[in-house]
Amino acid sequence: MKRIVSLGLLIGTPAAADTNGYGDMMNWSFGMGMMFGPVLWLIVLGLVVAGVIWFVRGTHQGVAQQDGSKARAELDLRFAKGEIDADDYAARKKLLES
């Protein structure tokens, strides 16, 4: 019995709060909210798109930096093995840094 009364109160409370019987939307009480609702969604959509762009750019820059460090390690290894001389090493190192 207690569950039935609780369920009835839960379902009936919104109807009891509506004194005019039309609902808040018919009284124009949320008119400003309805007018700015699409603007809010556009802002949210813009933030989501900006976040995706930021994430994608961040991951691509990380890959580019890793590739640069791999190239630098390969250049150092070739110089250490004696495959390239100091002038060639300096020119290639300068090219990698730019």
PDB file of N, CA and C in Angstrom:
ATOM      1  N   MET A   1       0.821  -1.194   0.000  1.00  0.00           N
ATOM      2  CA  MET A   1       0.000   0.000   0.000  1.00  0.00           C
ATOM      3  C   MET A   1       0.868   1.262   0.000  1.00  0.00           C
ATOM      4  N   LYS A   2       1.952   1.188   0.765  1.00  0.00           N
ATOM      5  CA  LYS A   2       2.847   2.335   0.852  1.00  0.00           C
ATOM      6  C   LYS A   2       3.462   2.637  -0.514  1.00  0.00           C
ATOM      7  N   ARG A   3       3.792   1.592  -1.284  1.00  0.00           N
ATOM      8  CA  ARG A   3       4.352   1.793  -2.612  1.00  0.00           C
ATOM      9  C   ARG A   3       3.345   2.439  -3.552  1.00  0.00           C
ATOM     10  N   ILE A   4       2.116   2.067  -3.466  1.00  0.00           N
ATOM     11  CA  ILE A   4       1.085   2.636  -4.338  1.00  0.00           C
ATOM     12  C   ILE A   4       0.880   4.114  -4.033  1.00  0.00           C
ATOM     13  N   VAL A   5       0.859   4.470  -2.756  1.00  0.00           N
ATOM     14  CA  VAL A   5       0.704   5.872  -2.372  1.00  0.00           C
ATOM     15  C   VAL A   5       1.913   6.685  -2.839  1.00  0.00           C
ATOM     16  N   SER A   6       3.126   6.119  -2.671  1.00  0.00           N
ATOM     17  CA  SER A   6       4.335   6.824  -3.121  1.00  0.00           C
ATOM     18  C   SER A   6       4.331   7.016  -4.626  1.00  0.00           C
ATOM     19  N   LEU A   7       3.909   6.003  -5.365  1.00  0.00           N
ATOM     20  CA  LEU A   7       3.838   6.110  -6.810  1.00  0.00           C
ATOM     21  C   LEU A   7       2.805   7.145  -7.235  1.00  0.00           C
ATOM     22  N   GLY A   8       1.674   7.161  -6.544  1.00  0.00           N
ATOM     23  CA  GLY A   8       0.628   8.158  -6.850  1.00  0.00           C
ATOM     24  C   GLY A   8       1.113   9.574  -6.585  1.00  0.00           C
ATOM     25  N   LEU A   9       1.823   9.777  -5.496  1.00  0.00           N
ATOM     26  CA  LEU A   9       2.373  11.101  -5.202  1.00  0.00           C
ATOM     27  C   LEU A   9       3.434  11.502  -6.223  1.00  0.00           C
ATOM     28  N   LEU A  10       4.247  10.544  -6.630  1.00  0.00           N
ATOM     29  CA  LEU A  10       5.293  10.829  -7.596  1.00  0.00           C
ATOM     30  C   LEU A  10       4.699  11.231  -8.938  1.00  0.00           C
ATOM     31  N   ILE A  11       3.663  10.548  -9.368  1.00  0.00           N
ATOM     32  CA  ILE A  11       3.034  10.843 -10.647  1.00  0.00           C
ATOM     33  C   ILE A  11       2.145  12.083 -10.554  1.00  0.00           C
ATOM     34  N   GLY A  12       1.474  12.259  -9.458  1.00  0.00           N
ATOM     35  CA  GLY A  12       0.506  13.352  -9.339  1.00  0.00           C
ATOM     36  C   GLY A  12       1.087  14.699  -8.952  1.00  0.00           C
ATOM     37  N   THR A  13       2.291  14.749  -8.458  1.00  0.00           N
ATOM     38  CA  THR A  13       2.877  16.006  -8.004  1.00  0.00           C
ATOM     39  C   THR A  13       3.016  17.036  -9.118  1.00  0.00           C
ATOM     40  N   PRO A  14       3.502  16.706 -10.318  1.00  0.00           N
ATOM     41  CA  PRO A  14       3.577  17.723 -11.366  1.00  0.00           C
ATOM     42  C   PRO A  14       2.209  18.254 -11.785  1.00  0.00           C
ATOM     43  N   ALA A  15       1.213  17.396 -11.792  1.00  0.00           N
ATOM     44  CA  ALA A  15      -0.122  17.852 -12.154  1.00  0.00           C
ATOM     45  C   ALA A  15      -0.698  18.763 -11.072  1.00  0.00           C
ATOM     46  N   ALA A  16      -0.390  18.492  -9.824  1.00  0.00           N
ATOM     47  CA  ALA A  16      -0.891  19.324  -8.732  1.00  0.00           C
ATOM     48  C   ALA A  16      -0.194  20.678  -8.707  1.00  0.00           C
ATOM     49  N   ALA A  17       1.022  20.755  -9.197  1.00  0.00           N
ATOM     50  CA  ALA A  17       1.749  22.011  -9.197  1.00  0.00           C
ATOM     51  C   ALA A  17       1.250  22.956 -10.284  1.00  0.00           C
ATOM     52  N   ASP A  18       0.573  22.432 -11.302  1.00  0.00           N
ATOM     53  CA  ASP A  18       0.061  23.250 -12.401  1.00  0.00           C
ATOM     54  C   ASP A  18      -1.301  23.797 -12.005  1.00  0.00           C
ATOM     55  N   THR A  19      -1.325  25.049 -11.580  1.00  0.00           N
ATOM     56  CA  THR A  19      -2.579  25.624 -11.076  1.00  0.00           C
ATOM     57  C   THR A  19      -3.528  26.042 -12.194  1.00  0.00           C
ATOM     58  N   ASN A  20      -3.027  26.420 -13.361  1.00  0.00           N
ATOM     59  CA  ASN A  20      -3.904  26.863 -14.444  1.00  0.00           C
ATOM     60  C   ASN A  20      -4.400  25.717 -15.307  1.00  0.00           C
ATOM     61  N   GLY A  21      -3.734  24.590 -15.253  1.00  0.00           N
ATOM     62  CA  GLY A  21      -4.157  23.457 -16.042  1.00  0.00           C
ATOM     63  C   GLY A  21      -3.629  23.450 -17.463  1.00  0.00           C
ATOM     64  N   TYR A  22      -2.833  24.427 -17.833  1.00  0.00           N
ATOM     65  CA  TYR A  22      -2.317  24.495 -19.198  1.00  0.00           C
ATOM     66  C   TYR A  22      -0.842  24.106 -19.294  1.00  0.00           C
ATOM     67  N   GLY A  23      -0.149  24.126 -18.244  1.00  0.00           N
ATOM     68  CA  GLY A  23       1.290  23.864 -18.277  1.00  0.00           C
ATOM     69  C   GLY A  23       2.055  25.164 -18.428  1.00  0.00           C
ATOM     70  N   ASP A  24       3.298  25.142 -18.047  1.00  0.00           N
ATOM     71  CA  ASP A  24       4.109  26.357 -18.067  1.00  0.00           C
ATOM     72  C   ASP A  24       4.382  26.861 -19.476  1.00  0.00           C
ATOM     73  N   MET A  25       4.427  25.975 -20.441  1.00  0.00           N
ATOM     74  CA  MET A  25       4.750  26.405 -21.796  1.00  0.00           C
ATOM     75  C   MET A  25       3.650  27.305 -22.378  1.00  0.00           C
ATOM     76  N   MET A  26       2.431  27.086 -21.993  1.00  0.00           N
ATOM     77  CA  MET A  26       1.325  27.885 -22.529  1.00  0.00           C
ATOM     78  C   MET A  26       1.257  29.266 -21.877  1.00  0.00           C
ATOM     79  N   ASN A  27       1.887  29.417 -20.740  1.00  0.00           N
ATOM     80  CA  ASN A  27       1.873  30.705 -20.052  1.00  0.00           C
ATOM     81  C   ASN A  27       3.013  31.605 -20.498  1.00  0.00           C
ATOM     82  N   TRP A  28       3.816  31.188 -21.428  1.00  0.00           N
ATOM     83  CA  TRP A  28       4.957  31.928 -21.939  1.00  0.00           C
ATOM     84  C   TRP A  28       6.013  32.182 -20.863  1.00  0.00           C
ATOM     85  N   SER A  29       6.032  31.344 -19.844  1.00  0.00           N
ATOM     86  CA  SER A  29       7.022  31.567 -18.793  1.00  0.00           C
ATOM     87  C   SER A  29       8.423  31.141 -19.244  1.00  0.00           C
ATOM     88  N   PHE A  30       8.515  30.262 -20.221  1.00  0.00           N
ATOM     89  CA  PHE A  30       9.825  29.835 -20.717  1.00  0.00           C
ATOM     90  C   PHE A  30      10.101  30.399 -22.102  1.00  0.00           C
ATOM     91  N   GLY A  31       9.473  31.491 -22.470  1.00  0.00           N
ATOM     92  CA  GLY A  31       9.632  32.056 -23.803  1.00  0.00           C
ATOM     93  C   GLY A  31      11.058  32.453 -24.111  1.00  0.00           C
ATOM     94  N   MET A  32      11.740  33.100 -23.172  1.00  0.00           N
ATOM     95  CA  MET A  32      13.120  33.512 -23.396  1.00  0.00           C
ATOM     96  C   MET A  32      14.038  32.296 -23.490  1.00  0.00           C
ATOM     97  N   GLY A  33      13.774  31.291 -22.667  1.00  0.00           N
ATOM     98  CA  GLY A  33      14.578  30.078 -22.731  1.00  0.00           C
ATOM     99  C   GLY A  33      14.413  29.353 -24.043  1.00  0.00           C
ATOM    100  N   MET A  34      13.202  29.350 -24.571  1.00  0.00           N
ATOM    101  CA  MET A  34      12.967  28.690 -25.851  1.00  0.00           C
ATOM    102  C   MET A  34      13.595  29.487 -26.994  1.00  0.00           C
ATOM    103  N   MET A  35      13.675  30.792 -26.833  1.00  0.00           N
ATOM    104  CA  MET A  35      14.250  31.613 -27.884  1.00  0.00           C
ATOM    105  C   MET A  35      15.779  31.443 -27.935  1.00  0.00           C
ATOM    106  N   PHE A  36      16.414  31.322 -26.784  1.00  0.00           N
ATOM    107  CA  PHE A  36      17.862  31.202 -26.735  1.00  0.00           C
ATOM    108  C   PHE A  36      18.343  29.750 -26.703  1.00  0.00           C
ATOM    109  N   GLY A  37      17.434  28.806 -26.692  1.00  0.00           N
ATOM    110  CA  GLY A  37      17.801  27.395 -26.700  1.00  0.00           C
ATOM    111  C   GLY A  37      18.628  27.004 -27.910  1.00  0.00           C
ATOM    112  N   PRO A  38      18.199  27.366 -29.132  1.00  0.00           N
ATOM    113  CA  PRO A  38      19.023  27.026 -30.301  1.00  0.00           C
ATOM    114  C   PRO A  38      20.401  27.691 -30.280  1.00  0.00           C
ATOM    115  N   VAL A  39      20.479  28.884 -29.728  1.00  0.00           N
ATOM    116  CA  VAL A  39      21.780  29.558 -29.627  1.00  0.00           C
ATOM    117  C   VAL A  39      22.690  28.775 -28.691  1.00  0.00           C
ATOM    118  N   LEU A  40      22.135  28.281 -27.595  1.00  0.00           N
ATOM    119  CA  LEU A  40      22.915  27.471 -26.662  1.00  0.00           C
ATOM    120  C   LEU A  40      23.414  26.206 -27.338  1.00  0.00           C
ATOM    121  N   TRP A  41      22.574  25.555 -28.125  1.00  0.00           N
ATOM    122  CA  TRP A  41      22.991  24.340 -28.826  1.00  0.00           C
ATOM    123  C   TRP A  41      24.071  24.642 -29.856  1.00  0.00           C
ATOM    124  N   LEU A  42      23.993  25.780 -30.521  1.00  0.00           N
ATOM    125  CA  LEU A  42      25.038  26.149 -31.474  1.00  0.00           C
ATOM    126  C   LEU A  42      26.376  26.379 -30.764  1.00  0.00           C
ATOM    127  N   ILE A  43      26.317  26.974 -29.589  1.00  0.00           N
ATOM    128  CA  ILE A  43      27.533  27.185 -28.805  1.00  0.00           C
ATOM    129  C   ILE A  43      28.126  25.845 -28.384  1.00  0.00           C
ATOM    130  N   VAL A  44      27.274  24.941 -27.904  1.00  0.00           N
ATOM    131  CA  VAL A  44      27.742  23.614 -27.499  1.00  0.00           C
ATOM    132  C   VAL A  44      28.339  22.872 -28.691  1.00  0.00           C
ATOM    133  N   LEU A  45      27.662  22.929 -29.839  1.00  0.00           N
ATOM    134  CA  LEU A  45      28.173  22.278 -31.044  1.00  0.00           C
ATOM    135  C   LEU A  45      29.512  22.871 -31.464  1.00  0.00           C
ATOM    136  N   GLY A  46      29.647  24.195 -31.383  1.00  0.00           N
ATOM    137  CA  GLY A  46      30.914  24.841 -31.711  1.00  0.00           C
ATOM    138  C   GLY A  46      32.035  24.408 -30.775  1.00  0.00           C
ATOM    139  N   LEU A  47      31.729  24.263 -29.496  1.00  0.00           N
ATOM    140  CA  LEU A  47      32.738  23.813 -28.542  1.00  0.00           C
ATOM    141  C   LEU A  47      33.163  22.369 -28.812  1.00  0.00           C
ATOM    142  N   VAL A  48      32.208  21.528 -29.190  1.00  0.00           N
ATOM    143  CA  VAL A  48      32.536  20.138 -29.508  1.00  0.00           C
ATOM    144  C   VAL A  48      33.431  20.081 -30.742  1.00  0.00           C
ATOM    145  N   VAL A  49      33.081  20.833 -31.780  1.00  0.00           N
ATOM    146  CA  VAL A  49      33.891  20.855 -33.005  1.00  0.00           C
ATOM    147  C   VAL A  49      35.292  21.400 -32.702  1.00  0.00           C
ATOM    148  N   ALA A  50      35.382  22.460 -31.911  1.00  0.00           N
ATOM    149  CA  ALA A  50      36.691  23.022 -31.558  1.00  0.00           C
ATOM    150  C   ALA A  50      37.515  22.013 -30.762  1.00  0.00           C
ATOM    151  N   GLY A  51      36.867  21.257 -29.875  1.00  0.00           N
ATOM    152  CA  GLY A  51      37.576  20.231 -29.111  1.00  0.00           C
ATOM    153  C   GLY A  51      38.105  19.118 -29.992  1.00  0.00           C
ATOM    154  N   VAL A  52      37.317  18.699 -30.979  1.00  0.00           N
ATOM    155  CA  VAL A  52      37.769  17.651 -31.901  1.00  0.00           C
ATOM    156  C   VAL A  52      38.948  18.152 -32.725  1.00  0.00           C
ATOM    157  N   ILE A  53      38.871  19.379 -33.218  1.00  0.00           N
ATOM    158  CA  ILE A  53      39.969  19.950 -34.007  1.00  0.00           C
ATOM    159  C   ILE A  53      41.230  20.059 -33.157  1.00  0.00           C
ATOM    160  N   TRP A  54      41.084  20.514 -31.931  1.00  0.00           N
ATOM    161  CA  TRP A  54      42.230  20.638 -31.031  1.00  0.00           C
ATOM    162  C   TRP A  54      42.859  19.267 -30.776  1.00  0.00           C
ATOM    163  N   PHE A  55      42.028  18.251 -30.571  1.00  0.00           N
ATOM    164  CA  PHE A  55      42.529  16.904 -30.297  1.00  0.00           C
ATOM    165  C   PHE A  55      43.269  16.345 -31.509  1.00  0.00           C
ATOM    166  N   VAL A  56      42.697  16.514 -32.688  1.00  0.00           N
ATOM    167  CA  VAL A  56      43.321  15.982 -33.903  1.00  0.00           C
ATOM    168  C   VAL A  56      44.644  16.685 -34.181  1.00  0.00           C
ATOM    169  N   ARG A  57      44.681  17.996 -34.043  1.00  0.00           N
ATOM    170  CA  ARG A  57      45.932  18.721 -34.269  1.00  0.00           C
ATOM    171  C   ARG A  57      46.991  18.325 -33.258  1.00  0.00           C
ATOM    172  N   GLY A  58      46.586  18.107 -32.028  1.00  0.00           N
ATOM    173  CA  GLY A  58      47.542  17.713 -30.992  1.00  0.00           C
ATOM    174  C   GLY A  58      48.150  16.357 -31.259  1.00  0.00           C
ATOM    175  N   THR A  59      47.355  15.411 -31.748  1.00  0.00           N
ATOM    176  CA  THR A  59      47.901  14.085 -32.018  1.00  0.00           C
ATOM    177  C   THR A  59      48.807  14.104 -33.238  1.00  0.00           C
ATOM    178  N   HIS A  60      48.489  14.906 -34.243  1.00  0.00           N
ATOM    179  CA  HIS A  60      49.345  14.968 -35.425  1.00  0.00           C
ATOM    180  C   HIS A  60      50.667  15.659 -35.124  1.00  0.00           C
ATOM    181  N   GLN A  61      50.660  16.654 -34.271  1.00  0.00           N
ATOM    182  CA  GLN A  61      51.912  17.316 -33.914  1.00  0.00           C
ATOM    183  C   GLN A  61      52.793  16.378 -33.107  1.00  0.00           C
ATOM    184  N   GLY A  62      52.182  15.544 -32.276  1.00  0.00           N
ATOM    185  CA  GLY A  62      52.954  14.573 -31.512  1.00  0.00           C
ATOM    186  C   GLY A  62      53.639  13.567 -32.411  1.00  0.00           C
ATOM    187  N   VAL A  63      52.951  13.133 -33.473  1.00  0.00           N
ATOM    188  CA  VAL A  63      53.544  12.195 -34.426  1.00  0.00           C
ATOM    189  C   VAL A  63      54.694  12.856 -35.160  1.00  0.00           C
ATOM    190  N   ALA A  64      54.517  14.118 -35.555  1.00  0.00           N
ATOM    191  CA  ALA A  64      55.580  14.831 -36.270  1.00  0.00           C
ATOM    192  C   ALA A  64      56.813  14.992 -35.379  1.00  0.00           C
ATOM    193  N   GLN A  65      56.612  15.261 -34.109  1.00  0.00           N
ATOM    194  CA  GLN A  65      57.746  15.405 -33.205  1.00  0.00           C
ATOM    195  C   GLN A  65      58.455  14.072 -33.009  1.00  0.00           C
ATOM    196  N   GLN A  66      57.706  12.986 -32.951  1.00  0.00           N
ATOM    197  CA  GLN A  66      58.324  11.675 -32.804  1.00  0.00           C
ATOM    198  C   GLN A  66      59.120  11.321 -34.048  1.00  0.00           C
ATOM    199  N   ASP A  67      58.579  11.624 -35.218  1.00  0.00           N
ATOM    200  CA  ASP A  67      59.306  11.351 -36.450  1.00  0.00           C
ATOM    201  C   ASP A  67      60.600  12.160 -36.506  1.00  0.00           C
ATOM    202  N   GLY A  68      60.543  13.409 -36.050  1.00  0.00           N
ATOM    203  CA  GLY A  68      61.742  14.236 -36.027  1.00  0.00           C
ATOM    204  C   GLY A  68      62.794  13.689 -35.085  1.00  0.00           C
ATOM    205  N   SER A  69      62.395  13.175 -33.954  1.00  0.00           N
ATOM    206  CA  SER A  69      63.364  12.627 -33.010  1.00  0.00           C
ATOM    207  C   SER A  69      63.942  11.316 -33.543  1.00  0.00           C
ATOM    208  N   LYS A  70      63.146  10.544 -34.285  1.00  0.00           N
ATOM    209  CA  LYS A  70      63.669   9.315 -34.890  1.00  0.00           C
ATOM    210  C   LYS A  70      64.693   9.649 -35.967  1.00  0.00           C
ATOM    211  N   ALA A  71      64.387  10.677 -36.754  1.00  0.00           N
ATOM    212  CA  ALA A  71      65.328  11.087 -37.795  1.00  0.00           C
ATOM    213  C   ALA A  71      66.623  11.603 -37.178  1.00  0.00           C
ATOM    214  N   ARG A  72      66.482  12.336 -36.090  1.00  0.00           N
ATOM    215  CA  ARG A  72      67.674  12.865 -35.408  1.00  0.00           C
ATOM    216  C   ARG A  72      68.504  11.727 -34.827  1.00  0.00           C
ATOM    217  N   ALA A  73      67.848  10.714 -34.286  1.00  0.00           N
ATOM    218  CA  ALA A  73      68.575   9.570 -33.740  1.00  0.00           C
ATOM    219  C   ALA A  73      69.290   8.802 -34.856  1.00  0.00           C
ATOM    220  N   GLU A  74      68.628   8.669 -36.003  1.00  0.00           N
ATOM    221  CA  GLU A  74      69.262   7.997 -37.137  1.00  0.00           C
ATOM    222  C   GLU A  74      70.474   8.785 -37.638  1.00  0.00           C
ATOM    223  N   LEU A  75      70.341  10.113 -37.684  1.00  0.00           N
ATOM    224  CA  LEU A  75      71.450  10.956 -38.109  1.00  0.00           C
ATOM    225  C   LEU A  75      72.624  10.841 -37.143  1.00  0.00           C
ATOM    226  N   ASP A  76      72.339  10.852 -35.852  1.00  0.00           N
ATOM    227  CA  ASP A  76      73.403  10.698 -34.851  1.00  0.00           C
ATOM    228  C   ASP A  76      74.094   9.342 -34.982  1.00  0.00           C
ATOM    229  N   LEU A  77      73.312   8.309 -35.263  1.00  0.00           N
ATOM    230  CA  LEU A  77      73.871   6.974 -35.405  1.00  0.00           C
ATOM    231  C   LEU A  77      74.787   6.881 -36.634  1.00  0.00           C
ATOM    232  N   ARG A  78      74.340   7.472 -37.735  1.00  0.00           N
ATOM    233  CA  ARG A  78      75.169   7.466 -38.956  1.00  0.00           C
ATOM    234  C   ARG A  78      76.473   8.241 -38.750  1.00  0.00           C
ATOM    235  N   PHE A  79      76.380   9.359 -38.000  1.00  0.00           N
ATOM    236  CA  PHE A  79      77.588  10.144 -37.721  1.00  0.00           C
ATOM    237  C   PHE A  79      78.531   9.359 -36.810  1.00  0.00           C
ATOM    238  N   ALA A  80      77.945   8.662 -35.825  1.00  0.00           N
ATOM    239  CA  ALA A  80      78.765   7.878 -34.905  1.00  0.00           C
ATOM    240  C   ALA A  80      79.441   6.709 -35.616  1.00  0.00           C
ATOM    241  N   LYS A  81      78.790   6.129 -36.594  1.00  0.00           N
ATOM    242  CA  LYS A  81      79.383   5.018 -37.343  1.00  0.00           C
ATOM    243  C   LYS A  81      80.429   5.500 -38.344  1.00  0.00           C
ATOM    244  N   GLY A  82      80.431   6.795 -38.631  1.00  0.00           N
ATOM    245  CA  GLY A  82      81.399   7.338 -39.563  1.00  0.00           C
ATOM    246  C   GLY A  82      80.917   7.318 -41.008  1.00  0.00           C
ATOM    247  N   GLU A  83      79.649   7.108 -41.220  1.00  0.00           N
ATOM    248  CA  GLU A  83      79.100   7.071 -42.577  1.00  0.00           C
ATOM    249  C   GLU A  83      79.036   8.466 -43.198  1.00  0.00           C
ATOM    250  N   ILE A  84      78.904   9.511 -42.353  1.00  0.00           N
ATOM    251  CA  ILE A  84      78.861  10.894 -42.842  1.00  0.00           C
ATOM    252  C   ILE A  84      79.911  11.701 -42.083  1.00  0.00           C
ATOM    253  N   ASP A  85      80.403  12.761 -42.715  1.00  0.00           N
ATOM    254  CA  ASP A  85      81.408  13.593 -42.054  1.00  0.00           C
ATOM    255  C   ASP A  85      80.725  14.703 -41.253  1.00  0.00           C
ATOM    256  N   ALA A  86      81.528  15.519 -40.565  1.00  0.00           N
ATOM    257  CA  ALA A  86      81.002  16.544 -39.658  1.00  0.00           C
ATOM    258  C   ALA A  86      80.235  17.637 -40.403  1.00  0.00           C
ATOM    259  N   ASP A  87      80.715  18.027 -41.578  1.00  0.00           N
ATOM    260  CA  ASP A  87      80.015  19.076 -42.343  1.00  0.00           C
ATOM    261  C   ASP A  87      78.637  18.597 -42.801  1.00  0.00           C
ATOM    262  N   ASP A  88      78.592  17.359 -43.304  1.00  0.00           N
ATOM    263  CA  ASP A  88      77.312  16.784 -43.750  1.00  0.00           C
ATOM    264  C   ASP A  88      76.365  16.623 -42.566  1.00  0.00           C
ATOM    265  N   TYR A  89      76.922  16.187 -41.415  1.00  0.00           N
ATOM    266  CA  TYR A  89      76.115  16.033 -40.202  1.00  0.00           C
ATOM    267  C   TYR A  89      75.513  17.370 -39.775  1.00  0.00           C
ATOM    268  N   ALA A  90      76.321  18.427 -39.766  1.00  0.00           N
ATOM    269  CA  ALA A  90      75.841  19.756 -39.346  1.00  0.00           C
ATOM    270  C   ALA A  90      74.777  20.273 -40.297  1.00  0.00           C
ATOM    271  N   ALA A  91      74.956  20.048 -41.610  1.00  0.00           N
ATOM    272  CA  ALA A  91      73.960  20.534 -42.573  1.00  0.00           C
ATOM    273  C   ALA A  91      72.645  19.793 -42.428  1.00  0.00           C
ATOM    274  N   ARG A  92      72.725  18.488 -42.265  1.00  0.00           N
ATOM    275  CA  ARG A  92      71.482  17.700 -42.100  1.00  0.00           C
ATOM    276  C   ARG A  92      70.793  17.981 -40.771  1.00  0.00           C
ATOM    277  N   LYS A  93      71.588  18.218 -39.735  1.00  0.00           N
ATOM    278  CA  LYS A  93      71.015  18.549 -38.430  1.00  0.00           C
ATOM    279  C   LYS A  93      70.290  19.888 -38.490  1.00  0.00           C
ATOM    280  N   LYS A  94      70.884  20.849 -39.177  1.00  0.00           N
ATOM    281  CA  LYS A  94      70.251  22.161 -39.338  1.00  0.00           C
ATOM    282  C   LYS A  94      68.960  22.031 -40.132  1.00  0.00           C
ATOM    283  N   LEU A  95      68.949  21.176 -41.143  1.00  0.00           N
ATOM    284  CA  LEU A  95      67.761  20.951 -41.960  1.00  0.00           C
ATOM    285  C   LEU A  95      66.647  20.298 -41.130  1.00  0.00           C
ATOM    286  N   LEU A  96      66.995  19.379 -40.262  1.00  0.00           N
ATOM    287  CA  LEU A  96      65.992  18.730 -39.409  1.00  0.00           C
ATOM    288  C   LEU A  96      65.395  19.696 -38.383  1.00  0.00           C
ATOM    289  N   GLU A  97      66.199  20.601 -37.882  1.00  0.00           N
ATOM    290  CA  GLU A  97      65.730  21.537 -36.851  1.00  0.00           C
ATOM    291  C   GLU A  97      64.824  22.622 -37.411  1.00  0.00           C
ATOM    292  N   SER A  98      64.923  22.911 -38.699  1.00  0.00           N
ATOM    293  CA  SER A  98      64.095  23.965 -39.272  1.00  0.00           C
ATOM    294  C   SER A  98      62.753  23.464 -39.735  1.00  0.00           C
TER     295      SER A  98
END
